Every structure is written in structure tokens, then in C-alpha cells.
C-alpha atoms as a PDB file:
ATOM      1  CA  MET A   1      20.352  14.479  24.445  1.00  0.00           C
ATOM      2  CA  PRO A   2      21.719  11.060  23.392  1.00  0.00           C
ATOM      3  CA  ASP A   3      19.412   9.124  21.081  1.00  0.00           C
ATOM      4  CA  ASP A   4      18.763   6.272  23.520  1.00  0.00           C
ATOM      5  CA  GLU A   5      17.789   8.622  26.340  1.00  0.00           C
ATOM      6  CA  PHE A   6      15.550  10.691  24.054  1.00  0.00           C
ATOM      7  CA  ILE A   7      13.849   7.530  22.789  1.00  0.00           C
ATOM      8  CA  LYS A   8      13.269   6.184  26.302  1.00  0.00           C
ATOM      9  CA  ARG A   9      11.602   9.422  27.398  1.00  0.00           C
ATOM     10  CA  GLN A  10       9.496   9.651  24.251  1.00  0.00           C
ATOM     11  CA  PHE A  11       8.366   6.031  24.574  1.00  0.00           C
ATOM     12  CA  GLN A  12       7.332   6.565  28.195  1.00  0.00           C
ATOM     13  CA  ALA A  13       5.360   9.686  27.285  1.00  0.00           C
ATOM     14  CA  ALA A  14       3.628   8.156  24.249  1.00  0.00           C
ATOM     15  CA  MET A  15       3.021   4.595  25.449  1.00  0.00           C
ATOM     16  CA  GLY A  16       2.830   5.016  29.211  1.00  0.00           C
ATOM     17  CA  GLU A  17       5.403   2.252  29.604  1.00  0.00           C
ATOM     18  CA  THR A  18       9.084   2.010  30.453  1.00  0.00           C
ATOM     19  CA  LEU A  19      11.096   1.086  27.364  1.00  0.00           C
ATOM     20  CA  ASN A  20      13.172  -2.057  27.795  1.00  0.00           C
ATOM     21  CA  ILE A  21      15.746  -1.164  25.153  1.00  0.00           C
ATOM     22  CA  GLU A  22      18.364  -3.501  26.633  1.00  0.00           C
ATOM     23  CA  ASN A  23      16.138  -6.565  26.164  1.00  0.00           C
ATOM     24  CA  PRO A  24      13.256  -5.534  23.901  1.00  0.00           C
ATOM     25  CA  GLN A  25      10.412  -8.002  23.413  1.00  0.00           C
ATOM     26  CA  THR A  26       7.544  -6.211  21.708  1.00  0.00           C
ATOM     27  CA  PHE A  27       7.305  -4.888  18.152  1.00  0.00           C
ATOM     28  CA  ASN A  28       7.274  -1.300  19.379  1.00  0.00           C
ATOM     29  CA  GLU A  29      10.260  -1.873  21.678  1.00  0.00           C
ATOM     30  CA  LYS A  30      12.290  -3.538  18.950  1.00  0.00           C
ATOM     31  CA  LEU A  31      11.642  -0.659  16.562  1.00  0.00           C
ATOM     32  CA  GLN A  32      13.171   1.647  19.170  1.00  0.00           C
ATOM     33  CA  TRP A  33      16.208  -0.652  19.464  1.00  0.00           C
ATOM     34  CA  LEU A  34      16.585  -0.632  15.685  1.00  0.00           C
ATOM     35  CA  LYS A  35      16.555   3.178  15.688  1.00  0.00           C
ATOM     36  CA  VAL A  36      19.620   3.199  17.887  1.00  0.00           C
ATOM     37  CA  TYR A  37      21.611   0.170  16.762  1.00  0.00           C
ATOM     38  CA  ASP A  38      20.702  -0.832  13.194  1.00  0.00           C
ATOM     39  CA  ARG A  39      22.260   1.890  11.033  1.00  0.00           C
ATOM     40  CA  LYS A  40      23.265   1.320   7.421  1.00  0.00           C
ATOM     41  CA  ASP A  41      23.989   3.978   4.826  1.00  0.00           C
ATOM     42  CA  LEU A  42      21.615   2.146   2.467  1.00  0.00           C
ATOM     43  CA  TYR A  43      18.661   2.993   4.714  1.00  0.00           C
ATOM     44  CA  THR A  44      19.070   6.701   3.927  1.00  0.00           C
ATOM     45  CA  THR A  45      18.607   5.900   0.237  1.00  0.00           C
ATOM     46  CA  LEU A  46      15.600   3.682   0.932  1.00  0.00           C
ATOM     47  CA  VAL A  47      13.628   6.362   2.781  1.00  0.00           C
ATOM     48  CA  ASP A  48      14.428   9.059   0.203  1.00  0.00           C
ATOM     49  CA  LYS A  49      11.357   9.112  -2.043  1.00  0.00           C
ATOM     50  CA  TYR A  50      13.426  10.228  -5.033  1.00  0.00           C
ATOM     51  CA  ARG A  51      16.623   8.213  -4.675  1.00  0.00           C
ATOM     52  CA  VAL A  52      14.812   4.983  -3.745  1.00  0.00           C
ATOM     53  CA  LYS A  53      13.204   4.836  -7.193  1.00  0.00           C
ATOM     54  CA  GLN A  54      16.444   3.943  -8.963  1.00  0.00           C
ATOM     55  CA  TYR A  55      17.302   1.407  -6.268  1.00  0.00           C
ATOM     56  CA  VAL A  56      13.918  -0.284  -6.614  1.00  0.00           C
ATOM     57  CA  ALA A  57      14.072  -0.173 -10.420  1.00  0.00           C
ATOM     58  CA  ASP A  58      17.457  -1.915 -10.311  1.00  0.00           C
ATOM     59  CA  LYS A  59      16.088  -4.606  -7.991  1.00  0.00           C
ATOM     60  CA  ILE A  60      12.680  -5.405  -9.483  1.00  0.00           C
ATOM     61  CA  GLY A  61      12.336  -3.396 -12.709  1.00  0.00           C
ATOM     62  CA  ASP A  62      11.370   0.146 -13.667  1.00  0.00           C
ATOM     63  CA  GLU A  63       7.871  -0.934 -14.725  1.00  0.00           C
ATOM     64  CA  TYR A  64       6.903  -0.702 -11.034  1.00  0.00           C
ATOM     65  CA  ILE A  65       8.092   2.890 -10.625  1.00  0.00           C
ATOM     66  CA  ILE A  66       5.725   5.869 -10.699  1.00  0.00           C
ATOM     67  CA  PRO A  67       7.202   8.294 -13.270  1.00  0.00           C
ATOM     68  CA  THR A  68       8.823  11.439 -11.885  1.00  0.00           C
ATOM     69  CA  TYR A  69       8.287  14.759 -13.686  1.00  0.00           C
ATOM     70  CA  GLY A  70      10.852  16.787 -11.765  1.00  0.00           C
ATOM     71  CA  VAL A  71      12.768  17.360  -8.544  1.00  0.00           C
ATOM     72  CA  TRP A  72      13.481  20.749  -6.930  1.00  0.00           C
ATOM     73  CA  ASP A  73      15.033  22.222  -3.795  1.00  0.00           C
ATOM     74  CA  LYS A  74      12.498  25.038  -3.415  1.00  0.00           C
ATOM     75  CA  PHE A  75       8.856  25.553  -4.307  1.00  0.00           C
ATOM     76  CA  GLU A  76       9.617  28.645  -6.394  1.00  0.00           C
ATOM     77  CA  GLU A  77      11.834  26.534  -8.657  1.00  0.00           C
ATOM     78  CA  ILE A  78       8.877  24.459  -9.874  1.00  0.00           C
ATOM     79  CA  ASP A  79       7.960  25.251 -13.469  1.00  0.00           C
ATOM     80  CA  PHE A  80       4.243  24.466 -13.478  1.00  0.00           C
ATOM     81  CA  ASN A  81       4.076  25.192 -17.210  1.00  0.00           C
ATOM     82  CA  VAL A  82       5.929  21.972 -17.997  1.00  0.00           C
ATOM     83  CA  LEU A  83       3.851  19.818 -15.665  1.00  0.00           C
ATOM     84  CA  PRO A  84       0.805  17.949 -17.003  1.00  0.00           C
ATOM     85  CA  ASP A  85      -2.711  18.866 -15.949  1.00  0.00           C
ATOM     86  CA  GLN A  86      -2.680  16.203 -13.231  1.00  0.00           C
ATOM     87  CA  PHE A  87       0.231  15.379 -10.919  1.00  0.00           C
ATOM     88  CA  VAL A  88       1.256  14.803  -7.306  1.00  0.00           C
ATOM     89  CA  LEU A  89       3.727  16.883  -5.302  1.00  0.00           C
ATOM     90  CA  LYS A  90       5.520  15.505  -2.250  1.00  0.00           C
ATOM     91  CA  CYS A  91       8.743  15.948  -0.304  1.00  0.00           C
ATOM     92  CA  THR A  92      11.515  13.395  -0.529  1.00  0.00           C
ATOM     93  CA  HIS A  93      11.910  13.001   3.234  1.00  0.00           C
ATOM     94  CA  ASP A  94       8.325  13.413   4.391  1.00  0.00           C
ATOM     95  CA  SER A  95       5.274  11.268   5.118  1.00  0.00           C
ATOM     96  CA  GLY A  96       1.707  12.262   4.347  1.00  0.00           C
ATOM     97  CA  GLY A  97       2.369  15.814   3.112  1.00  0.00           C
ATOM     98  CA  ILE A  98       1.039  15.298  -0.395  1.00  0.00           C
ATOM     99  CA  ILE A  99      -0.462  17.784  -2.834  1.00  0.00           C
ATOM    100  CA  ILE A 100      -2.790  16.079  -5.322  1.00  0.00           C
ATOM    101  CA  CYS A 101      -3.529  18.166  -8.399  1.00  0.00           C
ATOM    102  CA  THR A 102      -6.313  16.881 -10.622  1.00  0.00           C
ATOM    103  CA  ASP A 103      -6.742  20.155 -12.533  1.00  0.00           C
ATOM    104  CA  LYS A 104      -3.748  22.476 -12.852  1.00  0.00           C
ATOM    105  CA  LYS A 105      -5.900  25.486 -13.656  1.00  0.00           C
ATOM    106  CA  SER A 106      -7.649  25.271 -10.288  1.00  0.00           C
ATOM    107  CA  LEU A 107      -4.571  24.496  -8.168  1.00  0.00           C
ATOM    108  CA  ASP A 108      -4.251  26.915  -5.260  1.00  0.00           C
ATOM    109  CA  LYS A 109      -0.496  27.481  -5.540  1.00  0.00           C
ATOM    110  CA  LYS A 110      -0.357  29.707  -2.473  1.00  0.00           C
ATOM    111  CA  LYS A 111      -1.930  27.014  -0.326  1.00  0.00           C
ATOM    112  CA  ALA A 112       0.224  24.324  -1.941  1.00  0.00           C
ATOM    113  CA  ARG A 113       3.382  26.333  -1.292  1.00  0.00           C
ATOM    114  CA  LYS A 114       2.504  26.825   2.357  1.00  0.00           C
ATOM    115  CA  LYS A 115       1.959  23.095   2.841  1.00  0.00           C
ATOM    116  CA  ILE A 116       5.104  22.049   0.966  1.00  0.00           C
ATOM    117  CA  GLU A 117       7.304  24.563   2.765  1.00  0.00           C
ATOM    118  CA  ARG A 118       5.973  23.305   6.089  1.00  0.00           C
ATOM    119  CA  CYS A 119       6.795  19.738   5.030  1.00  0.00           C
ATOM    120  CA  LEU A 120      10.316  20.751   3.998  1.00  0.00           C
ATOM    121  CA  GLN A 121      10.969  21.818   7.588  1.00  0.00           C
ATOM    122  CA  ARG A 122      10.095  18.419   9.066  1.00  0.00           C
ATOM    123  CA  ASN A 123      12.921  16.265  10.348  1.00  0.00           C
ATOM    124  CA  TYR A 124      12.025  12.761  11.488  1.00  0.00           C
ATOM    125  CA  TYR A 125      15.469  12.266  12.975  1.00  0.00           C
ATOM    126  CA  LEU A 126      15.131  15.243  15.302  1.00  0.00           C
ATOM    127  CA  SER A 127      11.492  14.462  16.127  1.00  0.00           C
ATOM    128  CA  TYR A 128      11.705  10.694  16.637  1.00  0.00           C
ATOM    129  CA  ARG A 129      15.405   9.784  16.246  1.00  0.00           C
ATOM    130  CA  GLU A 130      14.629   7.826  13.083  1.00  0.00           C
ATOM    131  CA  TRP A 131      18.250   7.660  11.965  1.00  0.00           C
ATOM    132  CA  PRO A 132      17.683   6.887   8.230  1.00  0.00           C
ATOM    133  CA  TYR A 133      16.195  10.379   7.802  1.00  0.00           C
ATOM    134  CA  LYS A 134      19.156  12.207   9.362  1.00  0.00           C
ATOM    135  CA  ASP A 135      20.957  12.834   6.085  1.00  0.00           C
ATOM    136  CA  VAL A 136      18.103  12.794   3.561  1.00  0.00           C
ATOM    137  CA  GLU A 137      18.217  15.941   1.445  1.00  0.00           C
ATOM    138  CA  PRO A 138      14.808  17.680   1.707  1.00  0.00           C
ATOM    139  CA  ARG A 139      13.560  18.186  -1.841  1.00  0.00           C
ATOM    140  CA  ILE A 140      10.277  18.359  -3.738  1.00  0.00           C
ATOM    141  CA  ILE A 141       9.258  15.880  -6.437  1.00  0.00           C
ATOM    142  CA  ALA A 142       6.367  15.806  -8.884  1.00  0.00           C
ATOM    143  CA  GLU A 143       5.013  12.403  -9.853  1.00  0.00           C
ATOM    144  CA  LYS A 144       2.455  11.039 -12.245  1.00  0.00           C
ATOM    145  CA  TYR A 145      -1.091  11.021 -10.872  1.00  0.00           C
ATOM    146  CA  ILE A 146      -2.054   7.338 -11.046  1.00  0.00           C
ATOM    147  CA  ALA A 147      -5.530   7.429  -9.456  1.00  0.00           C
ATOM    148  CA  LYS A 148      -8.683   7.666 -11.554  1.00  0.00           C
ATOM    149  CA  ASP A 149     -11.601  10.058 -11.324  1.00  0.00           C
ATOM    150  CA  GLY A 150     -10.216  11.782  -8.242  1.00  0.00           C
ATOM    151  CA  THR A 151     -10.814   8.729  -6.038  1.00  0.00           C
ATOM    152  CA  ASP A 152      -8.453   7.463  -3.363  1.00  0.00           C
ATOM    153  CA  ILE A 153      -6.506   4.344  -4.222  1.00  0.00           C
ATOM    154  CA  PRO A 154      -5.711   1.970  -1.372  1.00  0.00           C
ATOM    155  CA  ASP A 155      -2.082   1.423  -0.515  1.00  0.00           C
ATOM    156  CA  TYR A 156      -1.075  -2.071   0.478  1.00  0.00           C
ATOM    157  CA  LYS A 157       1.569  -2.093   3.196  1.00  0.00           C
ATOM    158  CA  LEU A 158       3.509  -5.319   3.488  1.00  0.00           C
ATOM    159  CA  MET A 159       5.289  -6.040   6.765  1.00  0.00           C
ATOM    160  CA  CYS A 160       8.633  -7.682   5.990  1.00  0.00           C
ATOM    161  CA  PHE A 161      10.899  -9.465   8.457  1.00  0.00           C
ATOM    162  CA  ASP A 162      14.343 -10.500   7.178  1.00  0.00           C
ATOM    163  CA  GLY A 163      12.989 -10.689   3.658  1.00  0.00           C
ATOM    164  CA  GLU A 164       9.785 -12.532   4.543  1.00  0.00           C
ATOM    165  CA  VAL A 165       6.328 -10.980   4.406  1.00  0.00           C
ATOM    166  CA  LYS A 166       4.356 -12.019   7.488  1.00  0.00           C
ATOM    167  CA  CYS A 167       1.251  -9.846   7.123  1.00  0.00           C
ATOM    168  CA  SER A 168       0.041  -6.635   5.543  1.00  0.00           C
ATOM    169  CA  PHE A 169      -2.396  -3.857   6.185  1.00  0.00           C
ATOM    170  CA  VAL A 170      -4.515  -1.403   4.252  1.00  0.00           C
ATOM    171  CA  GLY A 171      -5.048   2.234   5.099  1.00  0.00           C
ATOM    172  CA  SER A 172      -8.567   3.137   3.987  1.00  0.00           C
ATOM    173  CA  GLU A 173     -11.251   5.795   4.439  1.00  0.00           C
ATOM    174  CA  ARG A 174      -8.689   8.538   5.021  1.00  0.00           C
ATOM    175  CA  HIS A 175     -11.161  11.234   4.049  1.00  0.00           C
ATOM    176  CA  GLY A 176     -14.250   9.617   5.556  1.00  0.00           C
ATOM    177  CA  MET A 177     -16.301  11.043   8.384  1.00  0.00           C
ATOM    178  CA  GLU A 178     -14.584   8.826  10.978  1.00  0.00           C
ATOM    179  CA  GLY A 179     -11.073   9.160   9.602  1.00  0.00           C
ATOM    180  CA  LEU A 180      -8.384   6.643   8.762  1.00  0.00           C
ATOM    181  CA  LYS A 181      -9.005   2.932   9.201  1.00  0.00           C
ATOM    182  CA  VAL A 182      -6.151   0.406   9.385  1.00  0.00           C
ATOM    183  CA  THR A 183      -6.968  -3.249   8.739  1.00  0.00           C
ATOM    184  CA  PHE A 184      -4.416  -6.058   8.979  1.00  0.00           C
ATOM    185  CA  TYR A 185      -4.546  -9.185   6.827  1.00  0.00           C
ATOM    186  CA  ASP A 186      -2.580 -12.430   6.828  1.00  0.00           C
ATOM    187  CA  LEU A 187      -1.015 -13.913   3.703  1.00  0.00           C
ATOM    188  CA  ASP A 188      -4.307 -15.594   2.745  1.00  0.00           C
ATOM    189  CA  TRP A 189      -6.103 -12.254   3.062  1.00  0.00           C
ATOM    190  CA  ASN A 190      -7.911 -13.213   6.243  1.00  0.00           C
ATOM    191  CA  GLU A 191      -8.548 -10.268   8.535  1.00  0.00           C
ATOM    192  CA  MET A 192      -6.295 -10.461  11.592  1.00  0.00           C
ATOM    193  CA  PRO A 193      -7.803 -10.120  15.093  1.00  0.00           C
ATOM    194  CA  PHE A 194      -6.126  -6.941  16.302  1.00  0.00           C
ATOM    195  CA  GLU A 195      -5.893  -3.201  15.759  1.00  0.00           C
ATOM    196  CA  ARG A 196      -2.899  -0.881  15.896  1.00  0.00           C
ATOM    197  CA  HIS A 197      -3.783   2.612  17.086  1.00  0.00           C
ATOM    198  CA  TYR A 198      -6.422   3.136  14.375  1.00  0.00           C
ATOM    199  CA  PRO A 199      -9.712   1.200  14.211  1.00  0.00           C
ATOM    200  CA  LYS A 200     -10.090  -1.402  11.505  1.00  0.00           C
ATOM    201  CA  SER A 201     -12.524  -0.961   8.654  1.00  0.00           C
ATOM    202  CA  THR A 202     -16.087  -2.042   9.333  1.00  0.00           C
ATOM    203  CA  TYR A 203     -16.378  -3.741   5.959  1.00  0.00           C
ATOM    204  CA  PRO A 204     -14.168  -6.280   4.152  1.00  0.00           C
ATOM    205  CA  LEU A 205     -11.546  -4.805   1.852  1.00  0.00           C
ATOM    206  CA  PRO A 206     -10.957  -6.561  -1.457  1.00  0.00           C
ATOM    207  CA  ARG A 207      -7.825  -8.613  -1.877  1.00  0.00           C
ATOM    208  CA  PRO A 208      -5.540  -6.971  -4.446  1.00  0.00           C
ATOM    209  CA  GLU A 209      -5.566  -8.789  -7.739  1.00  0.00           C
ATOM    210  CA  LYS A 210      -1.792  -9.207  -7.689  1.00  0.00           C
ATOM    211  CA  TYR A 211      -1.219  -9.732  -3.979  1.00  0.00           C
ATOM    212  CA  GLU A 212       1.109 -12.690  -4.532  1.00  0.00           C
ATOM    213  CA  GLU A 213       3.270 -10.603  -6.847  1.00  0.00           C
ATOM    214  CA  MET A 214       3.392  -7.818  -4.272  1.00  0.00           C
ATOM    215  CA  ILE A 215       4.636 -10.338  -1.726  1.00  0.00           C
ATOM    216  CA  ARG A 216       7.313 -11.587  -4.118  1.00  0.00           C
ATOM    217  CA  LEU A 217       8.524  -8.066  -4.879  1.00  0.00           C
ATOM    218  CA  ALA A 218       8.477  -6.989  -1.228  1.00  0.00           C
ATOM    219  CA  GLU A 219      10.590  -9.980  -0.253  1.00  0.00           C
ATOM    220  CA  ILE A 220      13.193  -9.069  -2.856  1.00  0.00           C
ATOM    221  CA  LEU A 221      13.365  -5.486  -1.618  1.00  0.00           C
ATOM    222  CA  SER A 222      13.463  -6.396   2.076  1.00  0.00           C
ATOM    223  CA  LYS A 223      16.135  -9.092   1.927  1.00  0.00           C
ATOM    224  CA  ASN A 224      18.655  -8.857   4.793  1.00  0.00           C
ATOM    225  CA  ILE A 225      16.705  -6.114   6.573  1.00  0.00           C
ATOM    226  CA  PRO A 226      15.457  -7.019  10.100  1.00  0.00           C
ATOM    227  CA  PHE A 227      12.201  -5.148   9.542  1.00  0.00           C
ATOM    228  CA  VAL A 228      10.864  -2.853   6.851  1.00  0.00           C
ATOM    229  CA  ARG A 229       7.425  -2.085   5.504  1.00  0.00           C
ATOM    230  CA  VAL A 230       7.144  -2.062   1.714  1.00  0.00           C
ATOM    231  CA  ASP A 231       4.148  -0.274   0.179  1.00  0.00           C
ATOM    232  CA  PHE A 232       2.500  -0.784  -3.188  1.00  0.00           C
ATOM    233  CA  TYR A 233      -0.475   0.556  -5.121  1.00  0.00           C
ATOM    234  CA  GLU A 234      -2.539  -1.418  -7.600  1.00  0.00           C
ATOM    235  CA  VAL A 235      -4.251   0.423 -10.457  1.00  0.00           C
ATOM    236  CA  ASP A 236      -6.015  -1.424 -13.288  1.00  0.00           C
ATOM    237  CA  GLY A 237      -4.140  -4.602 -12.397  1.00  0.00           C
ATOM    238  CA  LYS A 238      -0.746  -2.853 -12.480  1.00  0.00           C
ATOM    239  CA  ILE A 239       1.509  -2.652  -9.421  1.00  0.00           C
ATOM    240  CA  TYR A 240       3.318   0.546  -8.466  1.00  0.00           C
ATOM    241  CA  PHE A 241       5.947   0.854  -5.737  1.00  0.00           C
ATOM    242  CA  GLY A 242       5.048   3.377  -3.032  1.00  0.00           C
ATOM    243  CA  GLU A 243       7.721   3.633  -0.358  1.00  0.00           C
ATOM    244  CA  MET A 244       9.763   1.794   2.255  1.00  0.00           C
ATOM    245  CA  THR A 245       9.267   2.559   5.938  1.00  0.00           C
ATOM    246  CA  PHE A 246      11.441   1.317   8.793  1.00  0.00           C
ATOM    247  CA  PHE A 247       9.450   2.621  11.748  1.00  0.00           C
ATOM    248  CA  PRO A 248       5.663   2.597  11.173  1.00  0.00           C
ATOM    249  CA  GLY A 249       4.097   5.055  13.565  1.00  0.00           C
ATOM    250  CA  SER A 250       7.671   5.533  14.831  1.00  0.00           C
ATOM    251  CA  GLY A 251       7.073   2.478  17.016  1.00  0.00           C
ATOM    252  CA  LEU A 252       4.716   4.511  19.193  1.00  0.00           C
ATOM    253  CA  GLU A 253       1.320   3.010  18.295  1.00  0.00           C
ATOM    254  CA  GLU A 254      -0.435   0.619  20.634  1.00  0.00           C
ATOM    255  CA  PHE A 255      -1.839  -2.800  19.741  1.00  0.00           C
ATOM    256  CA  THR A 256      -5.271  -4.002  20.830  1.00  0.00           C
ATOM    257  CA  PRO A 257      -5.137  -6.703  22.173  1.00  0.00           C
ATOM    258  CA  LYS A 258      -1.672  -6.032  23.588  1.00  0.00           C
ATOM    259  CA  LYS A 259      -0.457  -9.592  22.955  1.00  0.00           C
ATOM    260  CA  TRP A 260      -0.065  -8.792  19.255  1.00  0.00           C
ATOM    261  CA  ASP A 261       2.687  -6.317  20.128  1.00  0.00           C
ATOM    262  CA  TYR A 262       4.580  -9.382  21.382  1.00  0.00           C
ATOM    263  CA  VAL A 263       3.587 -11.563  18.419  1.00  0.00           C
ATOM    264  CA  LEU A 264       4.906  -9.116  15.830  1.00  0.00           C
ATOM    265  CA  GLY A 265       7.864  -8.431  18.081  1.00  0.00           C
ATOM    266  CA  SER A 266       8.771 -12.128  17.978  1.00  0.00           C
ATOM    267  CA  TRP A 267       9.054 -11.853  14.191  1.00  0.00           C
ATOM    268  CA  ILE A 268      11.946  -9.360  14.442  1.00  0.00           C
ATOM    269  CA  ASN A 269      15.224 -11.215  14.954  1.00  0.00           C
ATOM    270  CA  LEU A 270      17.686  -8.681  16.301  1.00  0.00           C
ATOM    271  CA  ALA A 271      20.430 -11.318  16.271  1.00  0.00           C
ATOM    272  CA  ASN A 272      20.527 -10.906  12.490  1.00  0.00           C
ATOM    273  CA  THR A 273      21.558  -7.255  12.706  1.00  0.00           C
ATOM    274  CA  ASP A 274      25.130  -6.265  11.901  1.00  0.00           C
ATOM    275  CA  TYR A 275      25.375  -4.711  15.365  1.00  0.00           C
ATOM    276  CA  LEU A 276      24.833  -8.013  17.202  1.00  0.00           C
ATOM    277  CA  LYS A 277      26.809  -9.998  14.632  1.00  0.00           C
ATOM    278  CA  GLY A 278      29.734  -7.667  15.257  1.00  0.00           C
ATOM    279  CA  GLU A 279      29.979  -6.526  11.631  1.00  0.00           C
END
């Protein structure tokens, strides 16, 4: 099935609305348009969790990069003897499928293998027509464990539009009784009056110590890109790059109130894409 037809059907099923891909207005609609028409080879590098590290290091400095211990094609290739006692395993093309090891002696390798091998089979291009993932080589990487005392560290997700951060959100309480909370903040760290698919946190989340620096770095990394989300962690006052995401929720997550779908949509200028500029 052609990508545009697949996307229209998926949007209708997920959102209960007809996708206006010819004249998109909302944030979710414009993400679908970008899937089909905004395709640059660079995007494949930016969504590859291994290859993006060198790109980011070249742009903003390697001090922001989480150290990598190794990269492998298959789980059985991992030499756990050379890994430190604490580390994180993830796949280069995946989202959310993370193995956190805080004590190598107690790691359930059988369970870890099952999860990683399941993640290796995921394909976000086939599932959602997210074109940047089409040619990402599925591999496994081990990274330094940067959290402390086994606690979750918040990730700060900055929403960038043509190289300008307009707002950000925090994913918190992932392992709480009620599940993930998503809370949006403006550039002054005021809570914004809407939700996107997930409920917001019921308590204020602290402003990251180096929020302004995160904004500066995100704007460097997102220059000349119609929309991309740039994620960072902050640990002991130090910033670490997380990932870059072109289609949060694959553009299939509702806003409450609905008007904010239009507000964020107005921040995406499709006229700046190579497709509409004829390049």
C-alpha cells in the first residue's frame, strides 16, 4: 500500500478523523505530511541511536554524549565479561525497549535476550511509515548507566521548530501506580494548559538546572529541520544528549483541549521544507 494511503487509514483508525494531508493544519496532521514528503538521508542518521552520537558530538561537543561500551548485531555477540557492573542495553532503531542493569551478577540474561530480540524485530517504517527508520540497521548498543541509586532520571524533551525551541515536556512517573505522566512547559517553565494523550503530573516538576543550555544545544541540533524533538538528561548538573525524534507518538496522540493541536501545528512551517521549495 502506498505510504500516503496507509497513513490516511491509520490516522482515521487512531484519531477518528479524516486526515487532511493535502492541506494539513494541526500538529498531528503535519507530522503525517512530513512522513510522506520531508525525506532527507540525514534523518536516518539522526534516529540511529549509535550513529547520531558522532553527529551530535561534532555539532555540540562529545562532553554531552553518553559513553558507549559496545555495539553488536546479535545478542549472543555481547561479551558481558567486558561490560561494567552497571550498564544500559538498547537497540539502535527502537524506542522504549531498554534493559537497565544495575548489578551484572543478578541480570536475567534469558529475559534480557527475549526483550532485545523482540525489539530487534520492530520496524517503525512498516508500522507507522516513519521514513527515517526505513534504512536504520538494527543493532544493540551498551551505554554507561548514568542514573544514581537505581532511580529514574527525568528526560527533558524539547520541541524544536526550524531550529527554535517553542516548548518542552517531561515524561515522569513511568513506573508509578498510574503510569506515565506527560507535562508540557513553556520556555519560562510555566506549566502549559493542555495534555497530549497522557495525563499531566499532579505535582510541579522542577525546572532543570541547565534548561537554558538545553535550549541552546537543541536549537543547534534542530537547525533547518521543520520539526524535531531533542531529548536531554540532567545528572548532577551535567547535560547528556538522549535522542532525536521526528514523530512523537507517530502523530497519533490527541490533544486536550483540541485547540492545542492547531496551536502546535501553526508552529510547523511546511513551506520551509525542501519538497515545497522545490529542492
